[in-house]
Amino acid sequence: MFTLNEFLERVGIAPKEARLLRHDLRGVQAWRRGGHLAFGCFASFQKKASSPYAEARLACHFLPGPALSDGTATAWFLGATEILDRWTWDDVRLPVLRDDAVIQTEYGRQGLEAFDLSWLPTASAYSERLLVHWGAGTRAWSQWAGRNQKEILELRLQPYEPPFPGFSSFRAQIGDIPTFPQSWIGALERVRGIYLLVSASGEQYVGSATGADGFIGRWRTYLANGHGGNALLRVAGHRDYAVTILEIASPDMAFSDIIAREVFWKEKLGSRAHGLNAN
């Protein structure tokens, strides 16, 4: 068994000086949007009362990986940062790793510490190439490396990216859009067609994507406000939906033909009488 601590020692990181951080969905969003810079800025703000860095000199960052058959968790290694400085966040001094979108979310927040972090190049070369067995304790998202032996399950030649499932098998939550890999975004931007939204209680809404940015362009409007400008969705008040693709439009298909197919699916699924479609 090749362990994470053995790997860390080989890239010049002393496990006894390093914390292991398995970040949540917010970390996934920052990483997918802006890589090391955006994620590094995100990781530069932590709650003062329960700082995950816990006086460490180094931090190794991870994102959630696929669960194993026994239900235990895995994690993808992103790299390691040296902790250069820390201070009480005052809305004035900014961290050295700066991303405007992240900074805007932190203004005005109380009880935070800010950190100056620096990525270690030797470790960053393995970003999303190293999958480790995190174990059953996912609530313990910050741990001392030296006290936890974690098995390395995979070491890839190229960074991991979940394969696009195909349009007919595609299913996701609208709220997951910021975590989509860039190849997924590209695939969903290039096509138009008919999609289905389903609420947590099972209510259905049939819609069409006809704009230049395809499905992803339309779905981002739901991500922004939960209703995309639709009256019944606004009244329903749902903030997230499961989304699937019902039909892909051919590249030369006219707008009116796409709308006709939307009407067909509304009738077939009964989303007017028993769902969230008003027209």
C-alpha atoms as a PDB file:
ATOM      1  CA  MET A   1       0.000   0.000   0.000  1.00  0.00           C
ATOM      2  CA  PHE A   2       1.327   3.414  -1.021  1.00  0.00           C
ATOM      3  CA  THR A   3       0.155   6.024   1.473  1.00  0.00           C
ATOM      4  CA  LEU A   4      -0.497   9.719   1.182  1.00  0.00           C
ATOM      5  CA  ASN A   5       2.136  10.495   3.807  1.00  0.00           C
ATOM      6  CA  GLU A   6       4.762   8.644   1.766  1.00  0.00           C
ATOM      7  CA  PHE A   7       3.773  10.740  -1.236  1.00  0.00           C
ATOM      8  CA  LEU A   8       3.927  13.971   0.774  1.00  0.00           C
ATOM      9  CA  GLU A   9       7.423  13.173   1.974  1.00  0.00           C
ATOM     10  CA  ARG A  10       8.531  12.551  -1.610  1.00  0.00           C
ATOM     11  CA  VAL A  11       7.356  16.015  -2.682  1.00  0.00           C
ATOM     12  CA  GLY A  12       9.041  17.700   0.291  1.00  0.00           C
ATOM     13  CA  ILE A  13       6.119  17.997   2.718  1.00  0.00           C
ATOM     14  CA  ALA A  14       6.553  16.847   6.316  1.00  0.00           C
ATOM     15  CA  PRO A  15       3.249  15.157   7.322  1.00  0.00           C
ATOM     16  CA  LYS A  16       3.595  16.287  10.936  1.00  0.00           C
ATOM     17  CA  GLU A  17       3.476  19.922   9.761  1.00  0.00           C
ATOM     18  CA  ALA A  18       0.518  19.595   7.402  1.00  0.00           C
ATOM     19  CA  ARG A  19      -3.235  19.594   7.712  1.00  0.00           C
ATOM     20  CA  LEU A  20      -5.468  17.672   5.290  1.00  0.00           C
ATOM     21  CA  LEU A  21      -8.596  19.587   4.195  1.00  0.00           C
ATOM     22  CA  ARG A  22     -11.431  17.889   2.289  1.00  0.00           C
ATOM     23  CA  HIS A  23     -13.501  20.841   1.081  1.00  0.00           C
ATOM     24  CA  ASP A  24     -17.231  20.923   0.345  1.00  0.00           C
ATOM     25  CA  LEU A  25     -19.326  22.033  -2.639  1.00  0.00           C
ATOM     26  CA  ARG A  26     -18.168  25.640  -2.291  1.00  0.00           C
ATOM     27  CA  GLY A  27     -14.611  24.491  -2.844  1.00  0.00           C
ATOM     28  CA  VAL A  28     -15.675  22.479  -5.895  1.00  0.00           C
ATOM     29  CA  GLN A  29     -17.350  25.581  -7.330  1.00  0.00           C
ATOM     30  CA  ALA A  30     -14.277  27.754  -6.781  1.00  0.00           C
ATOM     31  CA  TRP A  31     -11.974  25.133  -8.320  1.00  0.00           C
ATOM     32  CA  ARG A  32     -14.125  24.566 -11.411  1.00  0.00           C
ATOM     33  CA  ARG A  33     -14.511  28.279 -11.958  1.00  0.00           C
ATOM     34  CA  GLY A  34     -10.943  29.454 -11.487  1.00  0.00           C
ATOM     35  CA  GLY A  35      -8.478  26.682 -10.648  1.00  0.00           C
ATOM     36  CA  HIS A  36      -5.662  27.322  -8.194  1.00  0.00           C
ATOM     37  CA  LEU A  37      -6.205  31.088  -7.994  1.00  0.00           C
ATOM     38  CA  ALA A  38      -9.952  31.120  -7.251  1.00  0.00           C
ATOM     39  CA  PHE A  39      -9.727  28.076  -5.013  1.00  0.00           C
ATOM     40  CA  GLY A  40      -6.685  29.481  -3.211  1.00  0.00           C
ATOM     41  CA  CYS A  41      -8.594  32.686  -2.496  1.00  0.00           C
ATOM     42  CA  PHE A  42     -11.572  30.652  -1.246  1.00  0.00           C
ATOM     43  CA  ALA A  43      -9.263  28.682   1.077  1.00  0.00           C
ATOM     44  CA  SER A  44      -7.751  31.938   2.385  1.00  0.00           C
ATOM     45  CA  PHE A  45     -10.847  32.638   4.525  1.00  0.00           C
ATOM     46  CA  GLN A  46     -11.706  30.427   7.496  1.00  0.00           C
ATOM     47  CA  LYS A  47     -13.794  30.706  10.657  1.00  0.00           C
ATOM     48  CA  LYS A  48     -11.631  31.977  13.492  1.00  0.00           C
ATOM     49  CA  ALA A  49     -13.405  29.903  16.154  1.00  0.00           C
ATOM     50  CA  SER A  50     -12.675  26.588  14.442  1.00  0.00           C
ATOM     51  CA  SER A  51      -9.886  27.208  11.958  1.00  0.00           C
ATOM     52  CA  PRO A  52      -9.111  24.055   9.951  1.00  0.00           C
ATOM     53  CA  TYR A  53      -5.465  25.090   9.744  1.00  0.00           C
ATOM     54  CA  ALA A  54      -5.037  24.706  13.520  1.00  0.00           C
ATOM     55  CA  GLU A  55      -1.572  26.252  13.761  1.00  0.00           C
ATOM     56  CA  ALA A  56      -0.264  24.206  10.841  1.00  0.00           C
ATOM     57  CA  ARG A  57       2.490  25.445   8.545  1.00  0.00           C
ATOM     58  CA  LEU A  58       1.163  23.619   5.479  1.00  0.00           C
ATOM     59  CA  ALA A  59      -2.255  22.593   4.194  1.00  0.00           C
ATOM     60  CA  CYS A  60      -3.078  19.867   1.667  1.00  0.00           C
ATOM     61  CA  HIS A  61      -6.351  20.520  -0.159  1.00  0.00           C
ATOM     62  CA  PHE A  62      -8.819  17.943  -1.483  1.00  0.00           C
ATOM     63  CA  LEU A  63     -12.200  17.791  -3.205  1.00  0.00           C
ATOM     64  CA  PRO A  64     -14.764  15.005  -2.681  1.00  0.00           C
ATOM     65  CA  GLY A  65     -14.251  11.938  -4.845  1.00  0.00           C
ATOM     66  CA  PRO A  66     -16.634   9.042  -5.597  1.00  0.00           C
ATOM     67  CA  ALA A  67     -17.877   6.993  -2.657  1.00  0.00           C
ATOM     68  CA  LEU A  68     -16.555   3.433  -2.464  1.00  0.00           C
ATOM     69  CA  SER A  69     -18.787   0.342  -2.441  1.00  0.00           C
ATOM     70  CA  ASP A  70     -18.598   0.177   1.372  1.00  0.00           C
ATOM     71  CA  GLY A  71     -19.826   3.759   1.641  1.00  0.00           C
ATOM     72  CA  THR A  72     -16.549   5.294   2.725  1.00  0.00           C
ATOM     73  CA  ALA A  73     -15.322   8.501   1.150  1.00  0.00           C
ATOM     74  CA  THR A  74     -12.518   9.315  -1.259  1.00  0.00           C
ATOM     75  CA  ALA A  75     -10.879  12.625  -2.120  1.00  0.00           C
ATOM     76  CA  TRP A  76      -9.027  14.146  -5.078  1.00  0.00           C
ATOM     77  CA  PHE A  77      -5.779  15.897  -4.193  1.00  0.00           C
ATOM     78  CA  LEU A  78      -5.535  19.492  -5.489  1.00  0.00           C
ATOM     79  CA  GLY A  79      -2.171  20.494  -4.087  1.00  0.00           C
ATOM     80  CA  ALA A  80      -0.606  21.982  -0.984  1.00  0.00           C
ATOM     81  CA  THR A  81      -0.245  25.533   0.267  1.00  0.00           C
ATOM     82  CA  GLU A  82       2.229  27.059   2.648  1.00  0.00           C
ATOM     83  CA  ILE A  83       0.582  29.298   5.237  1.00  0.00           C
ATOM     84  CA  LEU A  84       2.589  32.515   5.107  1.00  0.00           C
ATOM     85  CA  ASP A  85       0.526  34.781   7.362  1.00  0.00           C
ATOM     86  CA  ARG A  86      -2.839  35.048   9.128  1.00  0.00           C
ATOM     87  CA  TRP A  87      -4.901  37.927  10.519  1.00  0.00           C
ATOM     88  CA  THR A  88      -8.417  38.780  11.615  1.00  0.00           C
ATOM     89  CA  TRP A  89     -10.431  39.611   8.509  1.00  0.00           C
ATOM     90  CA  ASP A  90     -11.178  43.336   8.514  1.00  0.00           C
ATOM     91  CA  ASP A  91     -12.488  43.968   4.956  1.00  0.00           C
ATOM     92  CA  VAL A  92      -9.301  45.953   4.262  1.00  0.00           C
ATOM     93  CA  ARG A  93      -6.216  43.813   3.906  1.00  0.00           C
ATOM     94  CA  LEU A  94      -6.632  41.299   1.075  1.00  0.00           C
ATOM     95  CA  PRO A  95      -4.926  37.900   0.781  1.00  0.00           C
ATOM     96  CA  VAL A  96      -2.147  37.425  -1.754  1.00  0.00           C
ATOM     97  CA  LEU A  97      -4.296  34.940  -3.695  1.00  0.00           C
ATOM     98  CA  ARG A  98      -7.104  37.193  -4.909  1.00  0.00           C
ATOM     99  CA  ASP A  99     -10.235  36.389  -6.863  1.00  0.00           C
ATOM    100  CA  ASP A 100     -12.832  39.168  -7.147  1.00  0.00           C
ATOM    101  CA  ALA A 101     -15.847  36.847  -7.005  1.00  0.00           C
ATOM    102  CA  VAL A 102     -14.609  35.213  -3.803  1.00  0.00           C
ATOM    103  CA  ILE A 103     -13.596  38.505  -2.175  1.00  0.00           C
ATOM    104  CA  GLN A 104     -17.072  39.944  -2.774  1.00  0.00           C
ATOM    105  CA  THR A 105     -18.689  37.091  -0.839  1.00  0.00           C
ATOM    106  CA  GLU A 106     -16.414  37.674   2.167  1.00  0.00           C
ATOM    107  CA  TYR A 107     -16.946  41.414   2.650  1.00  0.00           C
ATOM    108  CA  GLY A 108     -18.848  42.112   5.853  1.00  0.00           C
ATOM    109  CA  ARG A 109     -18.536  38.609   7.277  1.00  0.00           C
ATOM    110  CA  GLN A 110     -17.671  38.451  10.952  1.00  0.00           C
ATOM    111  CA  GLY A 111     -15.581  35.966  12.907  1.00  0.00           C
ATOM    112  CA  LEU A 112     -13.216  35.155  10.051  1.00  0.00           C
ATOM    113  CA  GLU A 113      -9.483  34.852   9.752  1.00  0.00           C
ATOM    114  CA  ALA A 114      -7.734  35.607   6.488  1.00  0.00           C
ATOM    115  CA  PHE A 115      -4.561  33.908   5.316  1.00  0.00           C
ATOM    116  CA  ASP A 116      -1.763  34.457   2.856  1.00  0.00           C
ATOM    117  CA  LEU A 117      -1.299  31.115   1.098  1.00  0.00           C
ATOM    118  CA  SER A 118       1.265  30.037  -1.470  1.00  0.00           C
ATOM    119  CA  TRP A 119       0.874  26.946  -3.650  1.00  0.00           C
ATOM    120  CA  LEU A 120       3.806  24.521  -3.645  1.00  0.00           C
ATOM    121  CA  PRO A 121       4.664  23.757  -7.305  1.00  0.00           C
ATOM    122  CA  THR A 122       5.953  20.224  -6.643  1.00  0.00           C
ATOM    123  CA  ALA A 123       2.606  19.211  -5.143  1.00  0.00           C
ATOM    124  CA  SER A 124       0.401  21.195  -7.556  1.00  0.00           C
ATOM    125  CA  ALA A 125       1.748  19.100 -10.429  1.00  0.00           C
ATOM    126  CA  TYR A 126      -0.449  16.276  -9.080  1.00  0.00           C
ATOM    127  CA  SER A 127      -3.715  18.250  -9.007  1.00  0.00           C
ATOM    128  CA  GLU A 128      -6.695  15.925  -9.591  1.00  0.00           C
ATOM    129  CA  ARG A 129      -4.345  13.086 -10.405  1.00  0.00           C
ATOM    130  CA  LEU A 130      -4.190  11.554  -6.924  1.00  0.00           C
ATOM    131  CA  LEU A 131      -7.227   9.833  -5.381  1.00  0.00           C
ATOM    132  CA  VAL A 132      -7.008   8.891  -1.703  1.00  0.00           C
ATOM    133  CA  HIS A 133      -9.181   6.806   0.593  1.00  0.00           C
ATOM    134  CA  TRP A 134     -10.431   9.430   3.033  1.00  0.00           C
ATOM    135  CA  GLY A 135     -12.343   7.009   5.238  1.00  0.00           C
ATOM    136  CA  ALA A 136     -15.697   7.059   6.981  1.00  0.00           C
ATOM    137  CA  GLY A 137     -15.270  10.312   8.895  1.00  0.00           C
ATOM    138  CA  THR A 138     -16.184  12.952   6.311  1.00  0.00           C
ATOM    139  CA  ARG A 139     -17.279  15.337   9.069  1.00  0.00           C
ATOM    140  CA  ALA A 140     -13.637  15.440  10.138  1.00  0.00           C
ATOM    141  CA  TRP A 141     -12.834  17.477   7.056  1.00  0.00           C
ATOM    142  CA  SER A 142      -9.629  18.871   8.559  1.00  0.00           C
ATOM    143  CA  GLN A 143      -7.085  16.440   9.977  1.00  0.00           C
ATOM    144  CA  TRP A 144      -3.394  16.289  10.801  1.00  0.00           C
ATOM    145  CA  ALA A 145      -1.602  14.389   8.050  1.00  0.00           C
ATOM    146  CA  GLY A 146       0.902  12.855  10.452  1.00  0.00           C
ATOM    147  CA  ARG A 147      -1.849  11.258  12.546  1.00  0.00           C
ATOM    148  CA  ASN A 148      -3.809   9.772   9.639  1.00  0.00           C
ATOM    149  CA  GLN A 149      -2.524   7.160   7.218  1.00  0.00           C
ATOM    150  CA  LYS A 150      -4.539   7.372   4.020  1.00  0.00           C
ATOM    151  CA  GLU A 151      -4.186   4.897   1.182  1.00  0.00           C
ATOM    152  CA  ILE A 152      -3.621   6.191  -2.347  1.00  0.00           C
ATOM    153  CA  LEU A 153      -6.186   4.497  -4.598  1.00  0.00           C
ATOM    154  CA  GLU A 154      -5.205   6.017  -7.967  1.00  0.00           C
ATOM    155  CA  LEU A 155      -2.355   7.970  -9.489  1.00  0.00           C
ATOM    156  CA  ARG A 156      -3.311   9.210 -12.962  1.00  0.00           C
ATOM    157  CA  LEU A 157      -1.140  10.511 -15.777  1.00  0.00           C
ATOM    158  CA  GLN A 158      -3.697  13.232 -16.546  1.00  0.00           C
ATOM    159  CA  PRO A 159      -5.999  15.217 -14.227  1.00  0.00           C
ATOM    160  CA  TYR A 160      -9.327  13.572 -13.504  1.00  0.00           C
ATOM    161  CA  GLU A 161     -12.440  14.919 -15.179  1.00  0.00           C
ATOM    162  CA  PRO A 162     -15.797  13.145 -14.877  1.00  0.00           C
ATOM    163  CA  PRO A 163     -16.844  11.948 -18.354  1.00  0.00           C
ATOM    164  CA  PHE A 164     -19.899  13.637 -19.841  1.00  0.00           C
ATOM    165  CA  PRO A 165     -22.735  11.095 -19.479  1.00  0.00           C
ATOM    166  CA  GLY A 166     -24.310  11.911 -22.849  1.00  0.00           C
ATOM    167  CA  PHE A 167     -27.454  13.929 -23.471  1.00  0.00           C
ATOM    168  CA  SER A 168     -29.907  11.040 -23.084  1.00  0.00           C
ATOM    169  CA  SER A 169     -28.403   9.996 -19.725  1.00  0.00           C
ATOM    170  CA  PHE A 170     -27.713  13.476 -18.410  1.00  0.00           C
ATOM    171  CA  ARG A 171     -29.260  14.274 -15.026  1.00  0.00           C
ATOM    172  CA  ALA A 172     -28.161  16.909 -12.540  1.00  0.00           C
ATOM    173  CA  GLN A 173     -29.370  19.556 -10.141  1.00  0.00           C
ATOM    174  CA  ILE A 174     -29.535  23.154 -11.324  1.00  0.00           C
ATOM    175  CA  GLY A 175     -27.538  24.053  -8.235  1.00  0.00           C
ATOM    176  CA  ASP A 176     -24.690  21.826  -9.445  1.00  0.00           C
ATOM    177  CA  ILE A 177     -23.997  23.924 -12.560  1.00  0.00           C
ATOM    178  CA  PRO A 178     -21.017  25.775 -11.007  1.00  0.00           C
ATOM    179  CA  THR A 179     -19.335  22.408 -10.408  1.00  0.00           C
ATOM    180  CA  PHE A 180     -19.657  21.150 -14.004  1.00  0.00           C
ATOM    181  CA  PRO A 181     -16.322  20.464 -15.755  1.00  0.00           C
ATOM    182  CA  GLN A 182     -15.560  22.761 -18.677  1.00  0.00           C
ATOM    183  CA  SER A 183     -16.090  19.938 -21.177  1.00  0.00           C
ATOM    184  CA  TRP A 184     -19.663  19.537 -19.869  1.00  0.00           C
ATOM    185  CA  ILE A 185     -20.293  23.277 -20.166  1.00  0.00           C
ATOM    186  CA  GLY A 186     -19.023  23.231 -23.753  1.00  0.00           C
ATOM    187  CA  ALA A 187     -21.230  20.282 -24.704  1.00  0.00           C
ATOM    188  CA  LEU A 188     -24.346  21.853 -23.172  1.00  0.00           C
ATOM    189  CA  GLU A 189     -23.680  25.257 -24.743  1.00  0.00           C
ATOM    190  CA  ARG A 190     -23.499  23.843 -28.248  1.00  0.00           C
ATOM    191  CA  VAL A 191     -26.969  22.294 -28.399  1.00  0.00           C
ATOM    192  CA  ARG A 192     -30.569  23.468 -28.105  1.00  0.00           C
ATOM    193  CA  GLY A 193     -33.691  21.467 -27.348  1.00  0.00           C
ATOM    194  CA  ILE A 194     -36.291  20.475 -24.767  1.00  0.00           C
ATOM    195  CA  TYR A 195     -35.576  19.857 -21.089  1.00  0.00           C
ATOM    196  CA  LEU A 196     -37.490  18.800 -17.980  1.00  0.00           C
ATOM    197  CA  LEU A 197     -37.271  20.315 -14.508  1.00  0.00           C
ATOM    198  CA  VAL A 198     -38.528  18.276 -11.540  1.00  0.00           C
ATOM    199  CA  SER A 199     -38.944  19.712  -8.048  1.00  0.00           C
ATOM    200  CA  ALA A 200     -38.152  17.816  -4.859  1.00  0.00           C
ATOM    201  CA  SER A 201     -41.884  17.079  -4.499  1.00  0.00           C
ATOM    202  CA  GLY A 202     -42.167  15.717  -8.049  1.00  0.00           C
ATOM    203  CA  GLU A 203     -43.731  18.687  -9.851  1.00  0.00           C
ATOM    204  CA  GLN A 204     -42.675  18.881 -13.499  1.00  0.00           C
ATOM    205  CA  TYR A 205     -41.884  21.772 -15.808  1.00  0.00           C
ATOM    206  CA  VAL A 206     -41.109  21.378 -19.522  1.00  0.00           C
ATOM    207  CA  GLY A 207     -39.014  24.100 -21.125  1.00  0.00           C
ATOM    208  CA  SER A 208     -37.027  24.806 -24.256  1.00  0.00           C
ATOM    209  CA  ALA A 209     -33.519  26.142 -24.778  1.00  0.00           C
ATOM    210  CA  THR A 210     -33.413  28.200 -27.981  1.00  0.00           C
ATOM    211  CA  GLY A 211     -30.667  30.771 -27.347  1.00  0.00           C
ATOM    212  CA  ALA A 212     -27.074  30.968 -28.536  1.00  0.00           C
ATOM    213  CA  ASP A 213     -25.750  29.401 -25.306  1.00  0.00           C
ATOM    214  CA  GLY A 214     -27.962  26.346 -25.584  1.00  0.00           C
ATOM    215  CA  PHE A 215     -29.108  24.413 -22.548  1.00  0.00           C
ATOM    216  CA  ILE A 216     -26.526  25.863 -20.175  1.00  0.00           C
ATOM    217  CA  GLY A 217     -27.507  29.423 -21.046  1.00  0.00           C
ATOM    218  CA  ARG A 218     -31.145  28.764 -20.206  1.00  0.00           C
ATOM    219  CA  TRP A 219     -30.402  26.797 -17.046  1.00  0.00           C
ATOM    220  CA  ARG A 220     -28.198  29.544 -15.670  1.00  0.00           C
ATOM    221  CA  THR A 221     -31.273  31.749 -15.401  1.00  0.00           C
ATOM    222  CA  TYR A 222     -32.771  29.216 -12.964  1.00  0.00           C
ATOM    223  CA  LEU A 223     -29.498  29.130 -11.083  1.00  0.00           C
ATOM    224  CA  ALA A 224     -29.601  32.919 -10.746  1.00  0.00           C
ATOM    225  CA  ASN A 225     -33.114  33.279  -9.317  1.00  0.00           C
ATOM    226  CA  GLY A 226     -34.838  29.899  -9.046  1.00  0.00           C
ATOM    227  CA  HIS A 227     -37.575  30.641 -11.598  1.00  0.00           C
ATOM    228  CA  GLY A 228     -35.962  31.857 -14.846  1.00  0.00           C
ATOM    229  CA  GLY A 229     -38.696  34.444 -15.325  1.00  0.00           C
ATOM    230  CA  ASN A 230     -41.536  31.881 -15.338  1.00  0.00           C
ATOM    231  CA  ALA A 231     -44.604  32.961 -13.360  1.00  0.00           C
ATOM    232  CA  LEU A 232     -45.612  29.577 -11.923  1.00  0.00           C
ATOM    233  CA  LEU A 233     -42.053  28.734 -10.953  1.00  0.00           C
ATOM    234  CA  ARG A 234     -41.798  32.074  -9.184  1.00  0.00           C
ATOM    235  CA  VAL A 235     -44.988  31.320  -7.255  1.00  0.00           C
ATOM    236  CA  ALA A 236     -43.821  27.784  -6.440  1.00  0.00           C
ATOM    237  CA  GLY A 237     -40.772  29.272  -4.739  1.00  0.00           C
ATOM    238  CA  HIS A 238     -38.442  26.343  -5.380  1.00  0.00           C
ATOM    239  CA  ARG A 239     -34.743  27.201  -5.424  1.00  0.00           C
ATOM    240  CA  ASP A 240     -33.424  24.065  -7.097  1.00  0.00           C
ATOM    241  CA  TYR A 241     -34.591  21.474  -9.599  1.00  0.00           C
ATOM    242  CA  ALA A 242     -33.414  18.205 -11.033  1.00  0.00           C
ATOM    243  CA  VAL A 243     -32.889  18.721 -14.756  1.00  0.00           C
ATOM    244  CA  THR A 244     -32.851  16.215 -17.624  1.00  0.00           C
ATOM    245  CA  ILE A 245     -32.841  16.532 -21.404  1.00  0.00           C
ATOM    246  CA  LEU A 246     -35.905  15.276 -23.277  1.00  0.00           C
ATOM    247  CA  GLU A 247     -34.895  16.039 -26.844  1.00  0.00           C
ATOM    248  CA  ILE A 248     -32.003  17.551 -28.801  1.00  0.00           C
ATOM    249  CA  ALA A 249     -32.861  19.940 -31.642  1.00  0.00           C
ATOM    250  CA  SER A 250     -31.021  19.580 -34.932  1.00  0.00           C
ATOM    251  CA  PRO A 251     -28.691  22.517 -35.737  1.00  0.00           C
ATOM    252  CA  ASP A 252     -30.933  23.771 -38.555  1.00  0.00           C
ATOM    253  CA  MET A 253     -34.189  23.424 -36.621  1.00  0.00           C
ATOM    254  CA  ALA A 254     -36.295  26.628 -36.655  1.00  0.00           C
ATOM    255  CA  PHE A 255     -37.329  28.361 -33.450  1.00  0.00           C
ATOM    256  CA  SER A 256     -40.995  27.640 -34.155  1.00  0.00           C
ATOM    257  CA  ASP A 257     -40.245  23.932 -34.586  1.00  0.00           C
ATOM    258  CA  ILE A 258     -38.459  23.771 -31.220  1.00  0.00           C
ATOM    259  CA  ILE A 259     -41.466  25.435 -29.570  1.00  0.00           C
ATOM    260  CA  ALA A 260     -43.763  22.905 -31.275  1.00  0.00           C
ATOM    261  CA  ARG A 261     -41.704  20.082 -29.776  1.00  0.00           C
ATOM    262  CA  GLU A 262     -41.932  21.772 -26.381  1.00  0.00           C
ATOM    263  CA  VAL A 263     -45.729  21.768 -26.694  1.00  0.00           C
ATOM    264  CA  PHE A 264     -45.626  18.070 -27.655  1.00  0.00           C
ATOM    265  CA  TRP A 265     -43.718  17.184 -24.474  1.00  0.00           C
ATOM    266  CA  LYS A 266     -46.001  19.294 -22.279  1.00  0.00           C
ATOM    267  CA  GLU A 267     -48.977  17.335 -23.585  1.00  0.00           C
ATOM    268  CA  LYS A 268     -47.238  13.989 -23.347  1.00  0.00           C
ATOM    269  CA  LEU A 269     -46.138  14.501 -19.739  1.00  0.00           C
ATOM    270  CA  GLY A 270     -49.232  16.376 -18.619  1.00  0.00           C
ATOM    271  CA  SER A 271     -47.169  19.200 -17.179  1.00  0.00           C
ATOM    272  CA  ARG A 272     -49.935  21.727 -17.753  1.00  0.00           C
ATOM    273  CA  ALA A 273     -52.658  19.864 -15.901  1.00  0.00           C
ATOM    274  CA  HIS A 274     -50.469  18.301 -13.232  1.00  0.00           C
ATOM    275  CA  GLY A 275     -47.258  20.319 -13.313  1.00  0.00           C
ATOM    276  CA  LEU A 276     -45.797  23.799 -13.411  1.00  0.00           C
ATOM    277  CA  ASN A 277     -46.478  24.804 -17.034  1.00  0.00           C
ATOM    278  CA  ALA A 278     -49.100  27.524 -17.400  1.00  0.00           C
ATOM    279  CA  ASN A 279     -49.200  27.724 -21.221  1.00  0.00           C
END
